Amino acid sequence: MPDSKVDIFLREHSIETIPSSASGYFNFTDVREAKKIIRRRNVSVIHSHTRFDVWTASLAARGISDVKFFHSVYMNVAPKKDVLHRWIYRRANGIFSSSEIINKEIRERYPVDSARVHLLRYGIALEKFVSDETVRRRTRTSLGIQENEIVVGMMGRIDTQKGVREFVESYMRLPENKRGQIKYLIIGEPTILRTEKDGTIVYEPESKACDEYIRSYITKNNIGNNILSLGYQNDIVPILNAMDIFALPSYAEMYSLSVIDAMAMGLPVIGTKAGGTEEQLEGGKRGILIEPKKPGAIAQAVAFYADSPKIRAAHGEEARAFVRENHSMEKTVARLIDFYNGKI
């Protein structure tokens, strides 16, 4: 999409973009354009990244046998074994996800040979995620957070499925004597549906309703000084530095990038038994796993960590080590290039 965040990012990094004309799964104009690009530029690899793009990519690659076609899965896995999806996915040389749990679901629900399903962990720029006491103090001071207060942060879309309502509601479930010691941070904005020509942002209705609910809840309970909503942040590292605990109480989660970022900073994680988060926390080795949709369970986990600084630190160190070992950008890119070059 022209002028989307992805489009702007790529152009800022001198990567050419060509706008799609599709409004749904695909159209033949895009397929023809993609075929022309493949032939004119001697393309050897096509890599699609959404459930829409896979259609255009698969059709464009047909009849061009020396082009490899890969597809990455980032969302929860729906069954795709009908005739049409079998035809589309048959062309794929490989399918990637960042999660062993999701790969198991892909093997069960996608019409592809299981040998073509591969683990490709998300890569992040680890050098950015550095704990810095000076940054921590400066950020907390700017937010009005006292040195002795414990900060629990949540980062992601303001969306019901992310469990943000339960996160906010959990504050009032904390033991009363602990509320004065604990602050919550929320980083994110409602899901953007579109941006009008005049620059007006139109939010997805359910997501906007969720945002309005949490703001109303905070006002009604007079906890605006205890739950700080910071909106979208371009630079999340200073905010992560200010945190002591990270929470992601999603109803369902494939394999969370925000959890990776938090763990890279050495934060213990409160996550739900809802998909890839279980894999990231490895049964509670790097955080606390709770059932989704339960604000009381979030409050219990926060209170436990508040009373258990040694366990909090141990889980945080385990989290940091896991990310350093599994989510290096250099390792991920090298593995991807090996797939492109046919070495794997």
Protein backbone atom coordinates (compact mmCIF):
# COMPACT_ATOMS: atom_id res chain seq x y z
CA MET A 1 0.00 0.00 0.00
CA PRO A 2 1.44 3.39 -0.96
CA ASP A 3 2.60 5.49 2.02
CA SER A 4 2.01 2.65 4.48
CA LYS A 5 4.56 2.19 7.27
CA VAL A 6 6.16 -0.67 5.35
CA ASP A 7 6.33 1.34 2.13
CA ILE A 8 7.90 4.35 3.91
CA PHE A 9 10.42 2.16 5.77
CA LEU A 10 11.54 0.39 2.60
CA ARG A 11 11.94 3.58 0.62
CA GLU A 12 13.91 5.16 3.47
CA HIS A 13 16.31 2.22 3.13
CA SER A 14 16.59 2.60 -0.67
CA ILE A 15 14.52 -0.49 -1.43
CA GLU A 16 12.28 -0.03 -4.45
CA THR A 17 8.57 -0.61 -3.93
CA ILE A 18 5.85 -1.14 -6.51
CA PRO A 19 2.29 -0.51 -5.26
CA SER A 20 -0.22 -3.32 -5.50
CA SER A 21 -3.50 -2.61 -7.19
CA ALA A 22 -5.27 -5.47 -5.40
CA SER A 23 -7.99 -4.81 -2.84
CA GLY A 24 -8.53 -8.47 -1.95
CA TYR A 25 -6.63 -11.70 -2.34
CA PHE A 26 -5.23 -10.81 -5.76
CA ASN A 27 -6.02 -9.44 -9.16
CA PHE A 28 -4.63 -10.33 -12.56
CA THR A 29 -3.02 -6.92 -13.03
CA ASP A 30 -0.72 -7.65 -10.09
CA VAL A 31 -0.01 -11.17 -11.33
CA ARG A 32 0.95 -9.87 -14.80
CA GLU A 33 3.12 -7.12 -13.29
CA ALA A 34 4.87 -9.62 -11.00
CA LYS A 35 5.59 -11.96 -13.93
CA LYS A 36 7.09 -9.05 -15.90
CA ILE A 37 9.33 -8.12 -12.96
CA ILE A 38 10.50 -11.73 -12.54
CA ARG A 39 11.46 -12.04 -16.21
CA ARG A 40 12.81 -8.53 -16.76
CA ARG A 41 15.00 -8.54 -13.63
CA ASN A 42 15.98 -12.17 -13.64
CA VAL A 43 14.40 -12.74 -10.23
CA SER A 44 15.39 -16.02 -8.59
CA VAL A 45 13.32 -15.87 -5.38
CA ILE A 46 9.82 -14.68 -4.52
CA HIS A 47 8.92 -14.37 -0.84
CA SER A 48 5.35 -13.56 0.23
CA HIS A 49 4.37 -12.48 3.72
CA THR A 50 0.58 -12.29 3.99
CA ARG A 51 -2.40 -14.53 3.23
CA PHE A 52 -3.23 -12.10 0.40
CA ASP A 53 0.24 -11.95 -1.19
CA VAL A 54 0.59 -15.72 -1.37
CA TRP A 55 -2.03 -15.85 -4.14
CA THR A 56 -0.30 -13.30 -6.35
CA ALA A 57 3.13 -14.81 -5.69
CA SER A 58 2.04 -18.38 -6.41
CA LEU A 59 0.29 -17.44 -9.66
CA ALA A 60 3.21 -15.25 -10.78
CA ALA A 61 5.69 -18.07 -10.17
CA ARG A 62 3.74 -20.63 -12.19
CA GLY A 63 5.36 -21.61 -15.42
CA ILE A 64 8.76 -20.25 -14.28
CA SER A 65 10.45 -23.37 -12.94
CA ASP A 66 13.78 -21.83 -11.94
CA VAL A 67 12.18 -19.34 -9.51
CA LYS A 68 11.97 -20.39 -5.86
CA PHE A 69 8.85 -19.36 -3.97
CA PHE A 70 8.77 -19.02 -0.16
CA HIS A 71 5.97 -17.93 2.13
CA SER A 72 6.12 -16.74 5.75
CA VAL A 73 3.28 -17.22 8.23
CA TYR A 74 2.81 -14.58 10.95
CA MET A 75 -0.80 -15.14 12.00
CA ASN A 76 -2.68 -18.00 13.62
CA VAL A 77 -3.16 -20.94 11.30
CA ALA A 78 -6.53 -21.70 9.72
CA PRO A 79 -7.23 -24.93 7.77
CA LYS A 80 -6.36 -24.56 4.06
CA LYS A 81 -6.76 -28.05 2.60
CA ASP A 82 -9.54 -27.25 0.12
CA VAL A 83 -8.89 -27.69 -3.59
CA LEU A 84 -8.09 -24.04 -4.30
CA HIS A 85 -5.57 -23.69 -1.47
CA ARG A 86 -3.93 -27.00 -2.45
CA TRP A 87 -3.40 -25.54 -5.91
CA ILE A 88 -1.99 -22.25 -4.56
CA TYR A 89 0.33 -23.75 -1.93
CA ARG A 90 1.60 -26.57 -4.16
CA ARG A 91 3.99 -24.08 -5.78
CA ALA A 92 5.69 -23.19 -2.48
CA ASN A 93 9.27 -24.42 -2.08
CA GLY A 94 9.14 -23.65 1.61
CA ILE A 95 6.96 -22.16 4.34
CA PHE A 96 8.44 -20.43 7.39
CA SER A 97 7.25 -19.47 10.82
CA SER A 98 9.08 -18.39 13.97
CA SER A 99 7.38 -20.97 16.17
CA GLU A 100 7.65 -24.75 16.53
CA ILE A 101 4.05 -24.77 17.80
CA ILE A 102 2.82 -22.91 14.72
CA ASN A 103 4.87 -25.12 12.41
CA LYS A 104 3.12 -28.16 13.88
CA GLU A 105 -0.23 -26.53 13.06
CA ILE A 106 0.95 -25.65 9.53
CA ARG A 107 1.91 -29.30 8.92
CA GLU A 108 -1.53 -30.38 10.09
CA ARG A 109 -3.63 -27.71 8.37
CA TYR A 110 -1.77 -26.63 5.21
CA PRO A 111 -1.67 -28.64 1.97
CA VAL A 112 2.16 -28.87 1.88
CA ASP A 113 4.68 -31.61 2.44
CA SER A 114 5.81 -31.43 6.07
CA ALA A 115 9.46 -31.36 4.91
CA ARG A 116 8.79 -27.95 3.34
CA VAL A 117 7.81 -26.35 6.66
CA HIS A 118 10.78 -24.69 8.37
CA LEU A 119 11.61 -22.79 11.53
CA LEU A 120 12.91 -19.28 10.88
CA ARG A 121 13.10 -17.35 14.12
CA TYR A 122 12.39 -13.63 14.07
CA GLY A 123 15.64 -11.70 14.06
CA ILE A 124 16.06 -8.46 16.00
CA ALA A 125 18.93 -5.98 16.25
CA LEU A 126 20.21 -7.23 19.59
CA GLU A 127 22.74 -4.42 19.91
CA LYS A 128 19.86 -1.94 20.48
CA PHE A 129 18.51 -3.76 23.52
CA VAL A 130 20.89 -2.66 26.24
CA SER A 131 19.91 -2.18 29.88
CA ASP A 132 21.10 1.27 30.92
CA GLU A 133 20.54 2.60 34.44
CA THR A 134 20.89 6.22 33.31
CA VAL A 135 18.23 5.75 30.61
CA ARG A 136 16.05 3.92 33.12
CA ARG A 137 16.18 6.73 35.68
CA ARG A 138 15.65 9.44 33.05
CA THR A 139 12.65 7.67 31.50
CA ARG A 140 11.02 6.89 34.83
CA THR A 141 11.52 10.48 36.01
CA SER A 142 9.90 11.82 32.82
CA LEU A 143 6.89 9.55 33.48
CA GLY A 144 6.61 10.47 37.15
CA ILE A 145 7.62 7.00 38.36
CA GLN A 146 9.37 6.75 41.70
CA GLU A 147 12.57 4.75 42.14
CA ASN A 148 10.93 2.21 44.47
CA GLU A 149 7.86 1.61 42.27
CA ILE A 150 7.52 -1.58 40.22
CA VAL A 151 6.54 -0.97 36.61
CA VAL A 152 4.55 -3.52 34.62
CA GLY A 153 4.39 -2.81 30.90
CA MET A 154 2.27 -4.02 28.01
CA MET A 155 3.09 -3.27 24.39
CA GLY A 156 1.01 -3.94 21.29
CA ARG A 157 -2.15 -3.00 19.44
CA ILE A 158 -4.98 -1.68 21.59
CA ASP A 159 -7.24 -4.55 20.71
CA THR A 160 -9.59 -6.82 22.66
CA GLN A 161 -7.76 -9.92 21.43
CA LYS A 162 -4.52 -8.64 22.99
CA GLY A 163 -6.07 -8.83 26.45
CA VAL A 164 -5.61 -5.12 27.10
CA ARG A 165 -8.99 -4.87 28.85
CA GLU A 166 -8.05 -7.62 31.28
CA PHE A 167 -4.66 -6.01 31.82
CA VAL A 168 -6.25 -2.71 32.84
CA GLU A 169 -8.90 -4.44 34.96
CA SER A 170 -6.21 -6.45 36.77
CA TYR A 171 -4.92 -3.31 38.46
CA MET A 172 -7.99 -3.12 40.68
CA ARG A 173 -7.53 -6.83 41.53
CA LEU A 174 -4.11 -6.19 43.06
CA PRO A 175 -3.95 -6.33 46.86
CA GLU A 176 -4.82 -2.84 48.05
CA ASN A 177 -1.54 -2.47 49.93
CA LYS A 178 0.39 -3.11 46.70
CA ARG A 179 -1.32 -0.64 44.39
CA GLY A 180 0.76 2.24 45.66
CA GLN A 181 3.95 0.32 44.81
CA ILE A 182 2.99 -0.69 41.24
CA LYS A 183 2.43 1.25 38.04
CA TYR A 184 1.20 -0.03 34.67
CA LEU A 185 2.37 1.25 31.26
CA ILE A 186 0.48 0.65 28.02
CA ILE A 187 2.35 1.25 24.76
CA GLY A 188 0.35 1.09 21.54
CA GLU A 189 -2.59 2.46 19.60
CA PRO A 190 -5.82 1.07 18.18
CA THR A 191 -5.60 -0.81 14.89
CA ILE A 192 -5.58 1.62 11.95
CA LEU A 193 -8.16 0.76 9.30
CA ARG A 194 -7.06 3.44 6.83
CA THR A 195 -5.72 6.97 6.53
CA GLU A 196 -7.90 9.43 4.62
CA LYS A 197 -6.45 11.74 1.97
CA ASP A 198 -6.57 14.65 4.41
CA GLY A 199 -4.47 12.66 6.90
CA THR A 200 -7.35 11.67 9.18
CA ILE A 201 -6.73 8.27 10.74
CA VAL A 202 -9.70 5.88 10.77
CA TYR A 203 -9.41 3.13 13.39
CA GLU A 204 -10.91 -0.34 13.24
CA PRO A 205 -14.23 0.01 15.14
CA GLU A 206 -13.77 -2.84 17.63
CA SER A 207 -10.24 -1.71 18.40
CA LYS A 208 -11.39 1.90 18.90
CA ALA A 209 -14.15 0.67 21.20
CA CYS A 210 -11.55 -1.22 23.25
CA ASP A 211 -9.45 1.93 23.55
CA GLU A 212 -12.48 3.92 24.68
CA TYR A 213 -13.34 1.23 27.25
CA ILE A 214 -9.92 1.23 28.90
CA ARG A 215 -9.83 5.03 29.04
CA SER A 216 -13.29 5.05 30.61
CA TYR A 217 -12.28 2.35 33.11
CA ILE A 218 -9.18 4.28 34.15
CA THR A 219 -11.21 7.49 34.62
CA LYS A 220 -14.05 5.75 36.48
CA ASN A 221 -11.66 4.15 38.96
CA ASN A 222 -9.52 7.28 39.32
CA ILE A 223 -6.31 5.42 38.44
CA GLY A 224 -4.92 7.75 35.78
CA ASN A 225 -1.76 8.20 37.84
CA ASN A 226 -1.35 4.44 38.16
CA ILE A 227 -1.97 3.30 34.57
CA LEU A 228 -0.15 5.39 31.98
CA SER A 229 -1.17 5.04 28.34
CA LEU A 230 1.73 6.22 26.19
CA GLY A 231 0.40 5.56 22.69
CA TYR A 232 2.63 4.40 19.85
CA GLN A 233 6.38 4.81 20.47
CA ASN A 234 8.99 4.87 17.71
CA ASP A 235 11.76 4.05 20.16
CA ILE A 236 10.68 1.40 22.64
CA VAL A 237 14.06 0.74 24.27
CA PRO A 238 13.89 3.62 26.81
CA ILE A 239 10.39 2.49 27.83
CA LEU A 240 11.53 -1.12 28.22
CA ASN A 241 14.43 0.15 30.34
CA ALA A 242 11.87 1.73 32.67
CA MET A 243 9.97 -1.56 33.17
CA ASP A 244 10.46 -4.33 35.73
CA ILE A 245 7.90 -6.82 34.38
CA PHE A 246 6.34 -7.29 30.94
CA ALA A 247 2.82 -8.61 30.31
CA LEU A 248 1.12 -9.94 27.19
CA PRO A 249 -2.29 -11.40 28.13
CA SER A 250 -3.46 -12.19 24.57
CA TYR A 251 -6.39 -14.48 23.86
CA ALA A 252 -4.31 -16.08 21.09
CA GLU A 253 -0.76 -15.32 20.02
CA MET A 254 1.36 -16.83 17.32
CA TYR A 255 4.83 -15.79 18.48
CA SER A 256 5.06 -12.30 19.87
CA LEU A 257 7.66 -9.79 18.72
CA SER A 258 6.93 -7.59 21.72
CA VAL A 259 7.75 -10.51 24.03
CA ILE A 260 11.06 -10.98 22.20
CA ASP A 261 11.87 -7.29 22.64
CA ALA A 262 11.02 -7.43 26.35
CA MET A 263 13.05 -10.59 26.92
CA ALA A 264 16.00 -9.06 25.05
CA MET A 265 16.00 -6.39 27.78
CA GLY A 266 16.04 -9.07 30.49
CA LEU A 267 12.41 -8.64 31.55
CA PRO A 268 10.39 -11.53 32.97
CA VAL A 269 7.12 -12.03 31.11
CA ILE A 270 3.56 -12.71 32.23
CA GLY A 271 2.00 -14.43 29.23
CA THR A 272 -1.05 -16.50 28.41
CA LYS A 273 -1.33 -20.17 27.51
CA ALA A 274 -2.30 -19.15 24.02
CA GLY A 275 -0.01 -20.39 21.26
CA GLY A 276 3.56 -19.31 20.73
CA THR A 277 3.89 -17.46 24.04
CA GLU A 278 4.05 -20.85 25.77
CA GLU A 279 7.01 -21.73 23.59
CA GLN A 280 8.70 -18.42 24.32
CA LEU A 281 8.33 -18.85 28.08
CA GLU A 282 9.04 -22.62 27.94
CA GLY A 283 6.53 -23.67 30.54
CA GLY A 284 7.39 -20.87 32.95
CA LYS A 285 11.16 -20.95 32.67
CA ARG A 286 11.30 -17.33 31.53
CA GLY A 287 8.08 -15.98 32.99
CA ILE A 288 4.67 -16.89 34.37
CA LEU A 289 1.99 -18.53 32.20
CA ILE A 290 -1.65 -17.84 33.00
CA GLU A 291 -5.01 -18.59 31.42
CA PRO A 292 -6.33 -15.93 29.01
CA LYS A 293 -9.25 -13.59 29.84
CA LYS A 294 -8.54 -13.63 33.59
CA PRO A 295 -7.64 -10.25 35.11
CA GLY A 296 -7.37 -11.88 38.53
CA ALA A 297 -4.65 -14.21 37.25
CA ILE A 298 -2.69 -11.23 35.88
CA ALA A 299 -2.96 -9.51 39.26
CA GLN A 300 -1.76 -12.63 41.08
CA ALA A 301 1.26 -12.93 38.78
CA VAL A 302 2.14 -9.24 39.19
CA ALA A 303 1.85 -9.50 42.99
CA PHE A 304 4.02 -12.64 43.01
CA TYR A 305 6.77 -10.96 41.01
CA ALA A 306 6.52 -7.84 43.19
CA ASP A 307 7.22 -10.01 46.24
CA SER A 308 9.88 -12.16 44.53
CA PRO A 309 12.74 -9.98 43.19
CA LYS A 310 15.16 -12.93 42.95
CA ILE A 311 12.77 -15.01 40.85
CA ARG A 312 11.99 -11.93 38.76
CA ALA A 313 15.70 -11.44 38.08
CA ALA A 314 16.30 -15.15 37.34
CA HIS A 315 13.43 -15.31 34.84
CA GLY A 316 14.70 -12.11 33.23
CA GLU A 317 18.20 -13.52 32.78
CA GLU A 318 16.81 -16.75 31.29
CA ALA A 319 14.73 -14.62 28.92
CA ARG A 320 17.71 -12.55 27.82
CA ALA A 321 19.84 -15.65 27.19
CA PHE A 322 17.07 -17.28 25.12
CA VAL A 323 16.72 -14.26 22.85
CA ARG A 324 20.48 -13.86 22.41
CA GLU A 325 20.73 -17.49 21.34
CA ASN A 326 17.65 -17.71 19.11
CA HIS A 327 16.79 -14.25 17.76
CA SER A 328 19.96 -12.71 16.40
CA MET A 329 19.28 -10.81 13.19
CA GLU A 330 22.58 -12.04 11.74
CA LYS A 331 21.66 -15.70 12.32
CA THR A 332 18.17 -15.26 10.90
CA VAL A 333 19.35 -13.49 7.75
CA ALA A 334 22.14 -16.03 7.18
CA ARG A 335 19.65 -18.91 7.49
CA LEU A 336 17.21 -17.22 5.12
CA ILE A 337 19.93 -16.64 2.51
CA ASP A 338 20.89 -20.30 2.78
CA PHE A 339 17.30 -21.21 1.88
CA TYR A 340 17.36 -18.74 -1.02
CA ASN A 341 20.60 -20.26 -2.30
CA GLY A 342 19.36 -23.83 -1.99
CA LYS A 343 21.82 -24.79 0.78
CA ILE A 344 18.97 -25.93 3.04
